[in-house]
Amino acid sequence: PLIEMRNRIYSVHPMKYQQRTLWIIVASLICLLCILYVTLLRTPSDVSYTIASGKPGAGYQNFSKALKALIEKQSLPFSLEIRETSGSLENVILMDEGKAQLGLVQNAVSFDEGVEIIAPLYKDVVHILVPTHSSVTSLPDLRGKRLSLGLPGSGTEQVNYELLSHYGISKNDVEPVALAPEEASAALLAGNIDAFMMVTALRAPVIDKLVSTGKVKFMSIGRAGEEGNITHGINEHFPHLTPYVIPRHTYASSTPGNDALPAHPISTLSVTSFLVCRSDVEKANVYELTKSLFENKYYMSRLVSDARHIQEITDQSELPYRLHAGASQYYRRKDPSFFVVYAEVIALIITLLITAAGMVTALRRWAAARRKNRVDRYYHEINETLRRLHEGSDLIDLDAEERNLWALRYKAIEELADEKLAADESFRIFQTLLANCLKEIQWKRENSS
């Protein structure tokens, strides 16, 4: 019965070690999941951002107003303040200086690594308007003319000077007049300037209002529809300027008796506008902004028609500048998850952990079995002594048997100290058997006398 009790108690210990190892694995996996949750799904902070836009009536400010309305409609965890600027160049400077966190820029404008892309928006189109009675029909005709080329620090000014330079026309060969879009429109109607050149979104209100008067006409850069026309040649020199055609009747006239314009397709150029931000803008906020922008295109297009042209980025290698991490996270939302991509690696790690746990358990069982075998030898020796005491004659040497038992006890304690035996219930049973055996010898010695 004592041996059965010892075996029953001993058999529990390997399970304890196995359960302990399993709990360690489970706890490690839970900690890993918690870290991933905190890292990837952080709640964005409630902050206010400033967006550098443009002048009233121009496409940038109209888009900024629509974006602000979208943020408020979606109750995003940040607000947007619109800052009026002269255009792309000033927008980049403001972001570099930390005076604006978001901005609208043309890809004709270069900026450093501190500014990153959220989304490409739409094409900003080169509009060249002259009075209906003007003899100006081509870019070379603009030499020596009074021109509204855009405000200093604007993308419009930069693009217009690039176009003029293609024909060898420098700043000294024209009379530039620095006017805001609405001021330039009024100046053209009043005859104070000879041409109004503006790079803005198609159907921008300032252009729409000017065309509706019926007192202006469009100037085409080459012939629309002609293969390899002038715009393609300009594109070879300035890759950011891409050929574009303004369709007939894009601008409807509101004046009775005036036809919609242009009467014929207009060959021109365009640049891509981008919504950008500083690289230190919270990743989670940029993700939410990008998500709202693409999931509410219909709402945005009702506020600003060009929003319908916004397309998601499918190839980051085609971008002229670096993509913000928050926007990239949205564009890659359909990519396989971390666990899917690394499923085989995770499975291998889990398999190795389970295998390692099994090996540890096996080693513990093996070590425990060795200790068990050692204790069993002591059990057998005590049992043999008891048999001799019960079955032996009066001639049995009780002193010798007692010395053997004490020697056995000393040996067992040494092995216990060397960890060859475990200080468990089996060892306590051994001590009990040894004490009983010594008492048996003492009883036999007293009765024999």
Protein backbone atom coordinates (compact mmCIF):
# COMPACT_ATOMS: atom_id res chain seq x y z
CA PRO A 1 0.00 0.00 0.00
CA LEU A 2 2.85 2.39 0.77
CA ILE A 3 4.40 1.82 -2.64
CA GLU A 4 1.05 2.34 -4.38
CA MET A 5 0.60 5.60 -2.47
CA ARG A 6 4.05 6.74 -3.52
CA ASN A 7 3.39 5.94 -7.20
CA ARG A 8 0.05 7.77 -7.15
CA ILE A 9 1.60 10.90 -5.61
CA TYR A 10 4.57 10.82 -7.93
CA SER A 11 2.51 10.51 -11.09
CA VAL A 12 1.07 14.03 -10.51
CA HIS A 13 4.38 15.90 -10.79
CA PRO A 14 5.06 15.55 -14.56
CA MET A 15 1.60 16.99 -15.29
CA LYS A 16 2.38 20.01 -13.12
CA TYR A 17 5.51 20.73 -15.17
CA GLN A 18 3.61 20.31 -18.42
CA GLN A 19 0.81 22.63 -17.33
CA ARG A 20 3.32 25.24 -16.21
CA THR A 21 5.04 25.20 -19.63
CA LEU A 22 1.69 25.45 -21.43
CA TRP A 23 0.67 28.48 -19.35
CA ILE A 24 3.97 30.19 -20.19
CA ILE A 25 3.31 29.71 -23.94
CA VAL A 26 -0.27 30.99 -23.67
CA ALA A 27 0.81 34.03 -21.63
CA SER A 28 3.51 34.86 -24.21
CA LEU A 29 1.01 34.74 -27.08
CA ILE A 30 -1.44 36.95 -25.18
CA CYS A 31 1.30 39.53 -24.52
CA LEU A 32 2.24 39.49 -28.23
CA LEU A 33 -1.37 40.11 -29.28
CA CYS A 34 -1.69 42.97 -26.77
CA ILE A 35 1.43 44.64 -28.17
CA LEU A 36 0.10 44.34 -31.74
CA TYR A 37 -3.28 45.75 -30.70
CA VAL A 38 -1.74 48.77 -28.96
CA THR A 39 0.63 49.41 -31.88
CA LEU A 40 -1.78 49.02 -34.78
CA LEU A 41 -5.11 50.10 -33.32
CA ARG A 42 -4.23 53.10 -31.20
CA THR A 43 -6.97 55.63 -30.74
CA PRO A 44 -5.94 58.85 -32.53
CA SER A 45 -5.56 61.95 -30.47
CA ASP A 46 -8.00 64.88 -30.67
CA VAL A 47 -6.00 67.71 -32.30
CA SER A 48 -6.41 70.62 -34.69
CA TYR A 49 -4.54 70.81 -37.99
CA THR A 50 -3.96 73.75 -40.32
CA ILE A 51 -4.18 73.17 -44.06
CA ALA A 52 -2.35 75.51 -46.42
CA SER A 53 -4.75 76.01 -49.33
CA GLY A 54 -4.85 78.88 -51.85
CA LYS A 55 -6.68 82.03 -52.85
CA PRO A 56 -10.49 82.42 -52.73
CA GLY A 57 -12.17 81.19 -55.91
CA ALA A 58 -9.29 78.85 -56.77
CA GLY A 59 -9.53 75.07 -56.70
CA TYR A 60 -7.30 74.56 -53.66
CA GLN A 61 -9.37 76.63 -51.31
CA ASN A 62 -12.60 75.08 -52.59
CA PHE A 63 -11.22 71.60 -52.00
CA SER A 64 -9.97 72.58 -48.55
CA LYS A 65 -13.45 73.79 -47.61
CA ALA A 66 -14.95 70.51 -48.83
CA LEU A 67 -12.37 68.54 -46.86
CA LYS A 68 -13.14 70.53 -43.71
CA ALA A 69 -16.86 69.82 -44.18
CA LEU A 70 -16.11 66.10 -44.62
CA ILE A 71 -14.05 65.96 -41.41
CA GLU A 72 -16.86 67.61 -39.46
CA LYS A 73 -19.51 65.37 -41.06
CA GLN A 74 -17.56 62.21 -40.21
CA SER A 75 -16.74 63.46 -36.68
CA LEU A 76 -13.08 62.58 -37.11
CA PRO A 77 -10.92 62.99 -33.98
CA PHE A 78 -9.31 66.17 -35.29
CA SER A 79 -10.40 69.49 -36.74
CA LEU A 80 -9.17 71.46 -39.74
CA GLU A 81 -8.39 75.16 -40.04
CA ILE A 82 -7.98 76.64 -43.54
CA ARG A 83 -5.14 79.08 -44.17
CA GLU A 84 -5.28 81.27 -47.28
CA THR A 85 -2.03 81.22 -49.29
CA SER A 86 -0.68 82.19 -52.68
CA GLY A 87 -0.35 78.55 -53.75
CA SER A 88 1.85 75.46 -53.81
CA LEU A 89 5.25 77.03 -53.10
CA GLU A 90 4.01 78.93 -50.07
CA ASN A 91 2.15 75.83 -48.88
CA VAL A 92 5.36 73.82 -48.87
CA ILE A 93 7.23 76.57 -47.02
CA LEU A 94 4.51 76.78 -44.36
CA MET A 95 4.65 73.03 -43.79
CA ASP A 96 8.45 73.05 -43.64
CA GLU A 97 8.25 75.77 -40.97
CA GLY A 98 5.60 73.85 -39.01
CA LYS A 99 2.98 76.60 -39.52
CA ALA A 100 0.73 74.15 -41.39
CA GLN A 101 0.39 70.41 -41.01
CA LEU A 102 -1.50 69.70 -44.26
CA GLY A 103 -1.39 71.32 -47.67
CA LEU A 104 -2.28 71.12 -51.34
CA VAL A 105 0.57 71.16 -53.85
CA GLN A 106 1.25 70.49 -57.51
CA ASN A 107 3.79 67.87 -58.51
CA ALA A 108 5.65 70.66 -60.30
CA VAL A 109 6.78 71.86 -56.87
CA SER A 110 9.57 70.02 -55.11
CA PHE A 111 9.67 69.56 -51.34
CA ASP A 112 11.92 67.81 -48.84
CA GLU A 113 11.41 64.52 -47.01
CA GLY A 114 9.58 66.27 -44.18
CA VAL A 115 6.45 66.49 -46.36
CA GLU A 116 4.71 63.30 -47.54
CA ILE A 117 1.75 62.40 -49.77
CA ILE A 118 -1.69 61.46 -48.49
CA ALA A 119 -3.48 61.18 -51.86
CA PRO A 120 -3.26 62.35 -55.46
CA LEU A 121 -6.36 64.48 -56.04
CA TYR A 122 -7.02 65.65 -59.57
CA LYS A 123 -5.45 67.34 -62.54
CA ASP A 124 -4.83 71.08 -62.32
CA VAL A 125 -5.25 72.38 -65.86
CA VAL A 126 -3.43 75.25 -67.53
CA HIS A 127 -6.09 77.80 -68.52
CA ILE A 128 -5.00 80.58 -70.89
CA LEU A 129 -7.73 83.17 -71.45
CA VAL A 130 -7.61 86.26 -73.61
CA PRO A 131 -10.25 88.85 -74.63
CA THR A 132 -12.47 87.74 -77.49
CA HIS A 133 -11.04 90.43 -79.78
CA SER A 134 -7.38 89.55 -78.96
CA SER A 135 -4.96 88.66 -81.73
CA VAL A 136 -3.02 86.35 -79.37
CA THR A 137 -3.33 82.78 -80.65
CA SER A 138 -0.19 81.03 -79.37
CA LEU A 139 2.36 81.21 -76.57
CA PRO A 140 4.99 83.05 -78.66
CA ASP A 141 2.41 85.83 -79.15
CA LEU A 142 2.61 86.57 -75.41
CA ARG A 143 6.05 88.15 -75.72
CA GLY A 144 5.89 91.76 -74.55
CA LYS A 145 2.33 91.41 -73.22
CA ARG A 146 0.86 92.24 -69.83
CA LEU A 147 0.23 88.88 -68.21
CA SER A 148 -1.32 87.54 -65.02
CA LEU A 149 0.99 84.58 -64.35
CA GLY A 150 -0.05 83.89 -60.76
CA LEU A 151 1.04 85.22 -57.42
CA PRO A 152 4.68 84.94 -56.38
CA GLY A 153 5.20 81.66 -54.51
CA SER A 154 2.44 79.87 -56.37
CA GLY A 155 2.62 76.72 -58.48
CA THR A 156 0.76 78.61 -61.23
CA GLU A 157 3.61 81.12 -61.54
CA GLN A 158 6.21 78.36 -61.74
CA VAL A 159 4.35 76.39 -64.44
CA ASN A 160 3.62 79.49 -66.52
CA TYR A 161 7.27 80.57 -66.56
CA GLU A 162 8.23 77.02 -67.60
CA LEU A 163 5.82 77.25 -70.55
CA LEU A 164 7.17 80.65 -71.62
CA SER A 165 10.77 79.46 -71.27
CA HIS A 166 10.04 76.67 -73.74
CA TYR A 167 9.68 79.41 -76.36
CA GLY A 168 12.66 81.38 -75.11
CA ILE A 169 10.52 83.97 -73.36
CA SER A 170 12.08 85.13 -70.09
CA LYS A 171 10.68 87.21 -67.25
CA ASN A 172 12.18 90.30 -68.86
CA ASP A 173 10.30 89.65 -72.11
CA VAL A 174 6.85 90.05 -70.55
CA GLU A 175 5.13 92.41 -68.16
CA PRO A 176 3.95 90.24 -65.27
CA VAL A 177 1.14 91.56 -63.10
CA ALA A 178 0.88 89.90 -59.68
CA LEU A 179 -2.84 89.50 -59.03
CA ALA A 180 -5.02 87.09 -57.11
CA PRO A 181 -7.30 84.97 -59.37
CA GLU A 182 -10.44 87.10 -58.92
CA GLU A 183 -8.43 90.32 -59.36
CA ALA A 184 -6.85 88.93 -62.54
CA SER A 185 -10.28 88.01 -63.89
CA ALA A 186 -11.52 91.56 -63.33
CA ALA A 187 -8.35 93.01 -64.87
CA LEU A 188 -8.80 90.93 -68.02
CA LEU A 189 -12.38 92.11 -68.46
CA ALA A 190 -11.29 95.72 -67.87
CA GLY A 191 -8.53 95.44 -70.49
CA ASN A 192 -5.74 96.02 -67.95
CA ILE A 193 -3.97 92.80 -68.89
CA ASP A 194 -3.64 90.95 -72.20
CA ALA A 195 -3.90 87.36 -70.92
CA PHE A 196 -4.92 85.50 -67.81
CA MET A 197 -2.88 82.29 -67.25
CA MET A 198 -3.99 80.14 -64.36
CA VAL A 199 -3.29 76.55 -63.33
CA THR A 200 -6.36 75.32 -61.50
CA ALA A 201 -8.96 72.58 -61.39
CA LEU A 202 -11.33 72.23 -64.30
CA ARG A 203 -14.55 74.16 -63.68
CA ALA A 204 -12.93 76.26 -60.96
CA PRO A 205 -15.47 78.96 -59.97
CA VAL A 206 -13.21 81.87 -60.87
CA ILE A 207 -12.76 80.51 -64.43
CA ASP A 208 -16.42 79.52 -64.73
CA LYS A 209 -17.55 83.02 -63.73
CA LEU A 210 -15.10 84.67 -66.14
CA VAL A 211 -16.11 82.51 -69.11
CA SER A 212 -19.81 83.04 -68.42
CA THR A 213 -19.42 86.73 -69.34
CA GLY A 214 -18.91 85.80 -72.97
CA LYS A 215 -16.07 88.36 -73.22
CA VAL A 216 -13.14 85.96 -73.22
CA LYS A 217 -11.89 82.98 -75.22
CA PHE A 218 -9.50 80.11 -74.64
CA MET A 219 -6.07 79.90 -76.22
CA SER A 220 -4.99 76.44 -77.30
CA ILE A 221 -1.41 75.18 -77.03
CA GLY A 222 -1.21 73.49 -80.39
CA ARG A 223 -4.04 71.65 -82.07
CA ALA A 224 -6.19 69.34 -79.96
CA GLY A 225 -6.28 65.76 -81.23
CA GLU A 226 -3.12 66.13 -83.28
CA GLU A 227 -0.72 63.28 -82.57
CA GLY A 228 2.58 64.53 -81.19
CA ASN A 229 1.49 68.15 -80.95
CA ILE A 230 3.27 70.91 -79.04
CA THR A 231 2.10 69.70 -75.61
CA HIS A 232 3.89 66.38 -76.11
CA GLY A 233 7.09 68.21 -76.95
CA ILE A 234 6.78 70.37 -73.82
CA ASN A 235 6.19 67.20 -71.77
CA GLU A 236 9.57 65.88 -72.93
CA HIS A 237 11.22 68.93 -71.35
CA PHE A 238 8.98 69.14 -68.30
CA PRO A 239 7.77 65.59 -67.41
CA HIS A 240 5.42 66.88 -64.69
CA LEU A 241 3.43 68.74 -67.36
CA THR A 242 1.22 66.20 -69.14
CA PRO A 243 -0.88 66.80 -72.28
CA TYR A 244 -4.54 67.51 -71.56
CA VAL A 245 -7.62 68.45 -73.57
CA ILE A 246 -10.39 70.71 -72.28
CA PRO A 247 -13.57 69.33 -73.89
CA ARG A 248 -16.03 71.46 -75.86
CA HIS A 249 -18.67 73.22 -73.75
CA THR A 250 -16.90 72.48 -70.46
CA TYR A 251 -17.88 75.97 -69.32
CA ALA A 252 -21.55 76.82 -69.89
CA SER A 253 -22.43 80.45 -70.42
CA SER A 254 -25.05 82.03 -68.19
CA THR A 255 -25.36 85.09 -70.41
CA PRO A 256 -28.23 84.99 -72.96
CA GLY A 257 -26.93 84.88 -76.51
CA ASN A 258 -23.45 83.59 -75.51
CA ASP A 259 -22.47 80.08 -76.46
CA ALA A 260 -20.87 77.65 -74.05
CA LEU A 261 -17.08 77.54 -74.20
CA PRO A 262 -14.78 76.34 -75.43
CA ALA A 263 -16.38 76.04 -78.84
CA HIS A 264 -13.63 73.61 -79.88
CA PRO A 265 -11.44 71.22 -77.82
CA ILE A 266 -8.53 73.07 -76.29
CA SER A 267 -5.09 71.48 -76.21
CA THR A 268 -3.30 72.36 -73.00
CA LEU A 269 -1.27 70.84 -70.17
CA SER A 270 -1.97 69.69 -66.66
CA VAL A 271 -0.19 68.91 -63.41
CA THR A 272 -1.29 66.54 -60.68
CA SER A 273 -2.34 68.03 -57.38
CA PHE A 274 -1.63 66.19 -54.14
CA LEU A 275 -3.00 66.34 -50.63
CA VAL A 276 0.13 66.23 -48.49
CA CYS A 277 1.08 66.53 -44.84
CA ARG A 278 4.08 66.76 -42.58
CA SER A 279 5.69 63.38 -41.91
CA ASP A 280 5.19 63.81 -38.15
CA VAL A 281 1.38 64.00 -38.39
CA GLU A 282 -0.16 61.16 -36.35
CA LYS A 283 -0.32 57.97 -38.41
CA ALA A 284 -3.76 57.01 -37.10
CA ASN A 285 -5.20 60.43 -38.02
CA VAL A 286 -3.83 60.27 -41.56
CA TYR A 287 -5.31 56.79 -41.92
CA GLU A 288 -8.75 58.02 -40.84
CA LEU A 289 -8.53 61.03 -43.17
CA THR A 290 -7.54 58.88 -46.16
CA LYS A 291 -10.28 56.38 -45.37
CA SER A 292 -12.94 59.09 -45.14
CA LEU A 293 -11.73 60.75 -48.33
CA PHE A 294 -12.16 57.63 -50.46
CA GLU A 295 -15.26 56.29 -48.76
CA ASN A 296 -17.10 59.61 -49.26
CA LYS A 297 -16.15 60.52 -52.83
CA TYR A 298 -19.78 61.13 -53.77
CA TYR A 299 -20.21 63.59 -50.91
CA MET A 300 -16.96 65.36 -51.83
CA SER A 301 -17.88 65.53 -55.54
CA ARG A 302 -21.10 67.31 -54.62
CA LEU A 303 -19.03 70.03 -52.93
CA VAL A 304 -16.22 70.16 -55.49
CA SER A 305 -16.76 68.41 -58.82
CA ASP A 306 -13.13 67.40 -59.40
CA ALA A 307 -13.22 65.14 -56.32
CA ARG A 308 -14.81 62.48 -58.54
CA HIS A 309 -11.43 62.03 -60.24
CA ILE A 310 -9.65 61.03 -57.04
CA GLN A 311 -8.23 57.51 -57.37
CA GLU A 312 -6.50 55.26 -54.87
CA ILE A 313 -2.78 54.69 -55.22
CA THR A 314 -2.02 51.24 -56.60
CA ASP A 315 1.67 51.62 -57.37
CA GLN A 316 3.75 53.70 -54.97
CA SER A 317 6.71 53.63 -57.36
CA GLU A 318 4.84 56.05 -59.64
CA LEU A 319 4.65 58.74 -56.94
CA PRO A 320 7.03 61.69 -57.17
CA TYR A 321 7.35 61.89 -53.38
CA ARG A 322 7.22 59.63 -50.34
CA LEU A 323 3.85 58.29 -49.15
CA HIS A 324 2.82 58.89 -45.53
CA ALA A 325 2.68 55.72 -43.42
CA GLY A 326 -0.94 56.34 -42.40
CA ALA A 327 -2.08 56.66 -46.02
CA SER A 328 -0.03 53.62 -47.01
CA GLN A 329 -1.78 51.61 -44.31
CA TYR A 330 -5.15 52.44 -45.89
CA TYR A 331 -4.05 51.63 -49.46
CA ARG A 332 -2.68 48.29 -48.26
CA ARG A 333 -5.79 47.38 -46.25
CA LYS A 334 -6.63 44.57 -48.64
CA ASP A 335 -3.18 43.03 -48.41
CA PRO A 336 -2.94 39.75 -46.50
CA SER A 337 -2.76 40.32 -42.76
CA PHE A 338 0.40 39.83 -40.75
CA PHE A 339 -0.80 36.46 -39.52
CA VAL A 340 -1.66 35.30 -43.05
CA VAL A 341 1.65 36.45 -44.54
CA TYR A 342 3.67 34.84 -41.77
CA ALA A 343 1.34 31.91 -41.11
CA GLU A 344 4.01 29.34 -41.90
CA VAL A 345 6.60 31.09 -39.74
CA ILE A 346 4.13 31.44 -36.85
CA ALA A 347 3.14 27.78 -37.22
CA LEU A 348 6.81 26.79 -37.17
CA ILE A 349 7.46 28.87 -34.04
CA ILE A 350 4.44 27.39 -32.26
CA THR A 351 5.52 23.88 -33.34
CA LEU A 352 9.03 24.51 -32.02
CA LEU A 353 7.63 25.85 -28.74
CA ILE A 354 5.38 22.81 -28.32
CA THR A 355 8.25 20.50 -29.27
CA ALA A 356 10.53 22.26 -26.81
CA ALA A 357 7.86 22.00 -24.10
CA GLY A 358 7.48 18.30 -24.89
CA MET A 359 11.24 17.78 -24.70
CA VAL A 360 11.40 19.60 -21.36
CA THR A 361 8.56 17.46 -20.05
CA ALA A 362 10.24 14.29 -21.34
CA LEU A 363 13.54 15.25 -19.74
CA ARG A 364 11.79 15.93 -16.45
CA ARG A 365 10.06 12.58 -16.64
CA TRP A 366 13.33 10.86 -17.48
CA ALA A 367 15.08 12.57 -14.56
CA ALA A 368 12.17 11.71 -12.28
CA ALA A 369 12.26 8.09 -13.48
CA ARG A 370 15.95 7.84 -12.65
CA ARG A 371 15.26 9.17 -9.17
CA LYS A 372 12.37 6.75 -8.85
CA ASN A 373 14.62 3.83 -9.78
CA ARG A 374 17.15 4.91 -7.16
CA VAL A 375 14.49 5.14 -4.44
CA ASP A 376 13.09 1.78 -5.50
CA ARG A 377 16.48 0.18 -4.79
CA TYR A 378 16.32 1.53 -1.25
CA TYR A 379 12.79 0.19 -0.90
CA HIS A 380 13.99 -3.26 -1.96
CA GLU A 381 16.92 -3.21 0.47
CA ILE A 382 14.65 -2.23 3.39
CA ASN A 383 12.16 -4.86 2.33
CA GLU A 384 14.91 -7.53 2.30
CA THR A 385 15.98 -6.48 5.80
CA LEU A 386 12.38 -6.79 7.04
CA ARG A 387 12.09 -10.22 5.44
CA ARG A 388 15.23 -11.39 7.18
CA LEU A 389 14.01 -10.02 10.51
CA HIS A 390 10.67 -11.81 10.20
CA GLU A 391 11.90 -15.06 8.71
CA GLY A 392 15.38 -15.32 10.18
CA SER A 393 16.48 -17.29 13.23
CA ASP A 394 17.66 -15.95 16.56
CA LEU A 395 21.18 -16.12 15.19
CA ILE A 396 20.57 -13.10 12.88
CA ASP A 397 23.09 -10.32 13.52
CA LEU A 398 20.88 -7.42 14.57
CA ASP A 399 23.82 -5.06 14.97
CA ALA A 400 24.98 -5.74 11.41
CA GLU A 401 21.45 -5.19 10.06
CA GLU A 402 21.22 -1.91 11.95
CA ARG A 403 24.60 -0.75 10.60
CA ASN A 404 23.43 -1.60 7.07
CA LEU A 405 20.28 0.48 7.51
CA TRP A 406 22.21 3.48 8.82
CA ALA A 407 24.65 3.16 5.94
CA LEU A 408 21.68 3.06 3.59
CA ARG A 409 20.28 6.20 5.21
CA TYR A 410 23.61 8.06 4.86
CA LYS A 411 23.88 7.06 1.21
CA ALA A 412 20.30 8.22 0.48
CA ILE A 413 20.94 11.63 2.11
CA GLU A 414 24.12 12.05 0.04
CA GLU A 415 22.21 11.32 -3.14
CA LEU A 416 19.50 13.73 -2.02
CA ALA A 417 22.13 16.45 -1.56
CA ASP A 418 23.54 15.67 -5.02
CA GLU A 419 19.98 15.94 -6.46
CA LYS A 420 20.10 12.33 -7.54
CA LEU A 421 17.03 11.87 -5.38
CA ALA A 422 14.06 14.22 -5.10
CA ALA A 423 12.85 15.55 -1.73
CA ASP A 424 9.32 14.42 -2.50
CA GLU A 425 6.72 12.06 -1.07
CA SER A 426 8.76 9.04 -2.26
CA PHE A 427 11.70 10.06 -0.12
CA ARG A 428 9.44 10.65 2.88
CA ILE A 429 8.01 7.14 2.41
CA PHE A 430 11.57 5.81 2.34
CA GLN A 431 12.33 7.56 5.63
CA THR A 432 9.17 6.12 7.20
CA LEU A 433 10.04 2.58 6.05
CA LEU A 434 13.61 3.00 7.36
CA ALA A 435 12.38 4.24 10.76
CA ASN A 436 9.92 1.33 11.02
CA CYS A 437 12.64 -1.12 10.12
CA LEU A 438 14.97 0.30 12.82
CA LYS A 439 12.14 0.05 15.35
CA GLU A 440 11.63 -3.59 14.32
CA ILE A 441 15.31 -4.29 15.03
CA GLN A 442 15.06 -2.55 18.38
CA TRP A 443 11.93 -4.51 19.28
CA LYS A 444 13.57 -7.76 18.27
CA ARG A 445 16.70 -6.93 20.29
CA GLU A 446 14.65 -6.20 23.40
CA ASN A 447 12.59 -9.41 23.12
CA SER A 448 15.58 -11.63 22.43
CA SER A 449 17.19 -10.53 25.65
